[in-house]
Amino acid sequence: MSKETSRLAENLAAAIEDNNDPETVRAGAPAYLLMIDGLIHGAPEDQGLLRAGAGIYSAYANVFITSPQRQQRLTETAISYAGRALCVQHGHLCQPQQIPFKTFQQHLQHTSQESVANLYTLGASWSGWIQARNTDWEAIAQLPYVKALLQRVVELDESHRQGGAHLYLGALNALLPPAMGGKPEVSRKHFERAITLSQGRNLMAKVMFAQRYARLVFNQSLHDRLLREVLDSTPTSKGYTLMNTLAQQQARKLLEESDEYF
């Protein structure tokens, strides 16, 4: 029964990823949130369900919700589910936000390839949690934890989610200009690796590369080239259709602003 329930959650998540109409997903996602809550209530230690819950809560909050208060509530649920999934697998990593950073780093070294899915989900959810609190310096101070999680994913299996950890690391290393501690060239390498590992199918990787890196270093030619490649691509791709559709919408807007920005 637990396997069938997890498979149901995975199939629903896949259906959302392959949907080409963001408005349908926006309207229908709340029902899925309630359903996944119910499934987790019945199987509170099912790692697959917890990961699915974390993923949909985080994505819905950061893509479709504009209210800061709602974003914070939803991302709190996401990070809670993700943390619980990792806790089931690694008891010493329960309540990760309460663990001193050096101890957290040491615990991560005891994780293995079997931990990758849970590590990635927590890193992605934690990133969304911080994004929803981007004016809170106490939240921003937790970024090293997110980087450590995602770097561990890269060490164990960089191909997980077609290089998803590289995509997040690309964005995180481009948050600040070099004078303030940013690492744009490290960011560029991560973005390029994410594009390679997804075989170019993840169009959002190119959008983020343009928005986070090319704008940071004022490289308009790279910025415009990446965005035109996104707009010239077919968005339909298994596992990426919804994200690619959103990426094209964002690419169009960024390209329209290009001359004004640069």
Protein backbone atom coordinates (compact mmCIF):
# COMPACT_ATOMS: atom_id res chain seq x y z
CA MET A 1 0.00 0.00 0.00
CA SER A 2 2.84 2.38 0.88
CA LYS A 3 4.52 1.70 -2.49
CA GLU A 4 1.26 2.31 -4.36
CA THR A 5 0.67 5.57 -2.47
CA SER A 6 4.19 6.77 -3.24
CA ARG A 7 3.73 5.83 -6.89
CA LEU A 8 0.49 7.84 -7.00
CA ALA A 9 2.30 10.91 -5.66
CA GLU A 10 5.16 10.44 -8.14
CA ASN A 11 2.74 10.07 -11.06
CA LEU A 12 0.83 13.20 -10.08
CA ALA A 13 4.07 15.15 -9.75
CA ALA A 14 5.13 13.91 -13.19
CA ALA A 15 1.77 14.97 -14.66
CA ILE A 16 2.28 18.47 -13.29
CA GLU A 17 5.82 18.64 -14.70
CA ASP A 18 4.54 17.63 -18.13
CA ASN A 19 1.63 20.09 -18.21
CA ASN A 20 1.97 22.90 -20.76
CA ASP A 21 -0.57 25.27 -19.20
CA PRO A 22 0.74 27.08 -16.09
CA GLU A 23 -2.71 28.50 -15.31
CA THR A 24 -4.20 25.02 -15.06
CA VAL A 25 -1.44 24.06 -12.64
CA ARG A 26 -1.91 27.28 -10.68
CA ALA A 27 -5.63 26.57 -10.29
CA GLY A 28 -5.31 22.85 -9.57
CA ALA A 29 -2.22 22.70 -7.36
CA PRO A 30 -3.98 23.57 -4.06
CA ALA A 31 -6.05 20.39 -4.31
CA TYR A 32 -2.85 18.39 -4.75
CA LEU A 33 -1.30 20.11 -1.74
CA LEU A 34 -4.22 19.02 0.41
CA MET A 35 -4.09 15.50 -1.01
CA ILE A 36 -0.37 15.11 -0.35
CA ASP A 37 -0.93 16.38 3.20
CA GLY A 38 -3.50 13.63 3.69
CA LEU A 39 -1.23 10.95 2.25
CA ILE A 40 1.63 12.04 4.50
CA HIS A 41 -0.70 12.08 7.50
CA GLY A 42 -1.38 8.41 6.83
CA ALA A 43 2.29 7.52 6.22
CA PRO A 44 4.33 10.12 8.14
CA GLU A 45 7.68 8.40 7.56
CA ASP A 46 7.32 7.64 3.86
CA GLN A 47 10.36 9.36 2.34
CA GLY A 48 8.92 9.39 -1.17
CA LEU A 49 5.74 11.13 -0.04
CA LEU A 50 7.69 13.60 2.09
CA ARG A 51 9.93 14.49 -0.88
CA ALA A 52 6.90 14.89 -3.14
CA GLY A 53 5.22 17.13 -0.58
CA ALA A 54 8.33 19.26 -0.16
CA GLY A 55 8.76 19.62 -3.90
CA ILE A 56 5.21 20.68 -4.72
CA TYR A 57 4.90 23.06 -1.76
CA SER A 58 8.20 24.76 -2.58
CA ALA A 59 7.55 25.04 -6.31
CA TYR A 60 3.99 26.30 -5.88
CA ALA A 61 5.06 28.92 -3.32
CA ASN A 62 7.97 30.29 -5.32
CA VAL A 63 6.44 30.14 -8.80
CA PHE A 64 2.79 31.05 -8.30
CA ILE A 65 2.40 32.87 -4.98
CA THR A 66 3.10 36.60 -4.67
CA SER A 67 1.96 37.18 -1.08
CA PRO A 68 5.08 37.16 1.15
CA GLN A 69 3.09 35.78 4.07
CA ARG A 70 1.69 32.88 2.05
CA GLN A 71 5.10 32.17 0.53
CA GLN A 72 6.59 31.92 3.99
CA ARG A 73 3.87 29.59 5.26
CA LEU A 74 4.09 27.28 2.26
CA THR A 75 7.88 27.14 2.20
CA GLU A 76 7.84 26.37 5.92
CA THR A 77 5.79 23.27 5.13
CA ALA A 78 8.18 22.39 2.29
CA ILE A 79 11.32 22.55 4.43
CA SER A 80 9.55 20.65 7.22
CA TYR A 81 8.65 17.76 4.89
CA ALA A 82 12.13 17.72 3.34
CA GLY A 83 13.80 17.74 6.75
CA ARG A 84 11.60 14.89 7.95
CA ALA A 85 12.51 12.77 4.92
CA LEU A 86 16.23 13.18 5.62
CA CYS A 87 15.65 12.59 9.33
CA VAL A 88 14.04 9.21 8.63
CA GLN A 89 17.17 8.18 6.75
CA HIS A 90 19.79 9.93 8.92
CA GLY A 91 18.76 10.52 12.52
CA HIS A 92 21.80 12.71 13.19
CA LEU A 93 20.52 15.19 10.58
CA CYS A 94 17.10 15.75 12.17
CA GLN A 95 16.14 19.42 12.63
CA PRO A 96 19.02 20.59 10.42
CA GLN A 97 18.39 24.28 11.06
CA GLN A 98 19.28 23.71 14.71
CA ILE A 99 22.62 21.97 14.02
CA PRO A 100 25.84 24.07 14.26
CA PHE A 101 27.28 24.49 10.79
CA LYS A 102 30.58 22.68 11.37
CA THR A 103 28.73 19.72 12.90
CA PHE A 104 26.31 19.80 9.96
CA GLN A 105 29.24 19.60 7.52
CA GLN A 106 30.69 16.64 9.40
CA HIS A 107 27.37 14.80 9.35
CA LEU A 108 27.05 15.34 5.60
CA GLN A 109 30.30 13.45 5.06
CA HIS A 110 28.61 10.33 6.45
CA THR A 111 25.89 10.40 3.78
CA SER A 112 26.06 8.15 0.73
CA GLN A 113 24.61 7.96 -2.76
CA GLU A 114 21.43 6.51 -1.26
CA SER A 115 20.96 9.88 0.47
CA VAL A 116 21.09 11.98 -2.69
CA ALA A 117 17.34 12.37 -3.27
CA ASN A 118 16.73 13.51 0.30
CA LEU A 119 19.77 15.81 0.35
CA TYR A 120 18.72 17.43 -2.91
CA THR A 121 15.12 17.90 -1.80
CA LEU A 122 16.20 19.55 1.43
CA GLY A 123 18.68 21.80 -0.39
CA ALA A 124 16.07 22.90 -2.93
CA SER A 125 13.37 23.43 -0.29
CA TRP A 126 15.74 25.31 1.99
CA SER A 127 16.73 27.56 -0.91
CA GLY A 128 13.06 28.35 -1.53
CA TRP A 129 12.53 28.95 2.19
CA ILE A 130 15.34 31.54 2.18
CA GLN A 131 14.06 33.12 -1.03
CA ALA A 132 10.70 33.70 0.66
CA ARG A 133 12.57 35.52 3.46
CA ASN A 134 15.10 37.45 1.40
CA THR A 135 14.97 40.50 3.67
CA ASP A 136 15.58 38.46 6.83
CA TRP A 137 19.34 38.34 7.54
CA GLU A 138 18.92 35.41 9.94
CA ALA A 139 17.40 33.41 7.08
CA ILE A 140 20.05 34.55 4.60
CA ALA A 141 22.74 33.47 7.08
CA GLN A 142 21.60 29.87 6.48
CA LEU A 143 22.80 29.91 2.85
CA PRO A 144 26.03 28.03 3.72
CA TYR A 145 23.89 25.07 4.82
CA VAL A 146 22.14 25.03 1.45
CA LYS A 147 25.43 25.25 -0.44
CA ALA A 148 26.88 22.41 1.66
CA LEU A 149 23.87 20.19 0.92
CA LEU A 150 23.95 20.81 -2.80
CA GLN A 151 27.73 20.47 -3.01
CA ARG A 152 27.39 17.08 -1.32
CA VAL A 153 24.83 16.09 -3.96
CA VAL A 154 27.31 17.07 -6.67
CA GLU A 155 30.02 14.99 -4.97
CA LEU A 156 27.78 11.93 -4.69
CA ASP A 157 25.83 12.11 -7.96
CA GLU A 158 25.97 15.30 -10.00
CA SER A 159 23.54 13.86 -12.55
CA HIS A 160 20.66 13.71 -10.04
CA ARG A 161 17.63 15.54 -11.43
CA GLN A 162 19.68 16.13 -14.58
CA GLY A 163 22.14 18.39 -12.79
CA GLY A 164 19.63 20.22 -10.61
CA ALA A 165 22.17 20.80 -7.84
CA HIS A 166 24.46 22.59 -10.31
CA LEU A 167 21.57 24.87 -11.27
CA TYR A 168 20.99 25.91 -7.66
CA LEU A 169 24.71 26.34 -7.02
CA GLY A 170 24.98 28.50 -10.12
CA ALA A 171 22.30 30.81 -8.75
CA LEU A 172 23.71 30.86 -5.21
CA ASN A 173 27.22 31.78 -6.34
CA ALA A 174 25.84 34.68 -8.38
CA LEU A 175 23.83 36.29 -5.59
CA LEU A 176 26.51 38.91 -4.94
CA PRO A 177 29.06 40.79 -7.09
CA PRO A 178 32.71 39.75 -6.68
CA ALA A 179 33.49 42.76 -4.46
CA MET A 180 30.97 41.48 -1.93
CA GLY A 181 32.01 37.84 -2.01
CA GLY A 182 30.16 36.58 -5.06
CA LYS A 183 31.83 34.00 -7.30
CA PRO A 184 30.53 34.63 -10.81
CA GLU A 185 32.99 32.33 -12.59
CA VAL A 186 32.12 29.47 -10.23
CA SER A 187 28.50 30.29 -10.99
CA ARG A 188 29.14 30.11 -14.74
CA LYS A 189 30.71 26.65 -14.47
CA HIS A 190 27.72 25.34 -12.52
CA PHE A 191 25.23 26.76 -15.02
CA GLU A 192 27.13 25.30 -17.96
CA ARG A 193 27.27 21.92 -16.24
CA ALA A 194 23.53 22.02 -15.52
CA ILE A 195 22.83 22.69 -19.20
CA THR A 196 25.13 19.84 -20.24
CA LEU A 197 23.65 17.32 -17.81
CA SER A 198 20.10 18.13 -18.91
CA GLN A 199 21.23 17.90 -22.55
CA GLY A 200 19.84 21.38 -23.06
CA ARG A 201 16.30 20.24 -22.27
CA ASN A 202 16.02 22.35 -19.11
CA LEU A 203 15.38 25.80 -20.59
CA MET A 204 15.18 27.39 -17.14
CA ALA A 205 18.90 26.70 -16.75
CA LYS A 206 19.63 29.06 -19.65
CA VAL A 207 17.21 31.68 -18.32
CA MET A 208 18.86 31.62 -14.90
CA PHE A 209 22.31 31.66 -16.51
CA ALA A 210 21.31 34.83 -18.36
CA GLN A 211 19.52 36.48 -15.45
CA ARG A 212 21.91 35.61 -12.63
CA TYR A 213 25.31 35.42 -14.31
CA ALA A 214 25.21 37.42 -17.56
CA ARG A 215 23.50 40.38 -15.91
CA LEU A 216 25.86 40.25 -12.95
CA VAL A 217 28.94 40.57 -15.20
CA PHE A 218 27.20 42.84 -17.75
CA ASN A 219 27.62 40.45 -20.66
CA GLN A 220 24.76 41.43 -22.96
CA SER A 221 25.81 39.26 -25.88
CA LEU A 222 25.72 36.10 -23.73
CA HIS A 223 22.51 37.27 -22.06
CA ASP A 224 20.65 37.81 -25.34
CA ARG A 225 22.03 34.68 -27.00
CA LEU A 226 20.88 32.43 -24.16
CA LEU A 227 17.41 33.96 -24.09
CA ARG A 228 16.99 33.70 -27.86
CA GLU A 229 17.99 30.03 -27.67
CA VAL A 230 15.25 29.52 -25.08
CA LEU A 231 12.63 31.24 -27.23
CA ASP A 232 13.69 29.27 -30.32
CA SER A 233 13.39 25.94 -28.49
CA THR A 234 10.41 23.60 -28.24
CA PRO A 235 9.17 23.69 -24.63
CA THR A 236 7.66 20.21 -24.68
CA SER A 237 10.10 17.78 -23.07
CA LYS A 238 9.36 14.97 -20.63
CA GLY A 239 9.80 16.23 -17.07
CA TYR A 240 10.40 19.81 -18.18
CA THR A 241 7.34 21.01 -20.10
CA LEU A 242 5.82 23.16 -17.37
CA MET A 243 9.16 24.62 -16.33
CA ASN A 244 10.12 25.27 -19.96
CA THR A 245 6.83 27.04 -20.63
CA LEU A 246 7.48 29.31 -17.65
CA ALA A 247 11.10 29.75 -18.78
CA GLN A 248 9.99 31.02 -22.18
CA GLN A 249 7.64 33.51 -20.55
CA GLN A 250 10.46 34.79 -18.39
CA ALA A 251 12.96 34.81 -21.28
CA ARG A 252 10.65 36.98 -23.36
CA LYS A 253 10.35 39.52 -20.55
CA LEU A 254 14.11 39.60 -19.85
CA LEU A 255 14.94 40.02 -23.53
CA GLU A 256 12.51 42.95 -23.83
CA GLU A 257 14.33 44.64 -20.93
CA SER A 258 17.82 43.88 -22.24
CA ASP A 259 18.76 47.20 -23.85
CA GLU A 260 17.38 49.11 -20.91
CA TYR A 261 19.32 46.97 -18.40
CA PHE A 262 22.67 47.02 -20.18
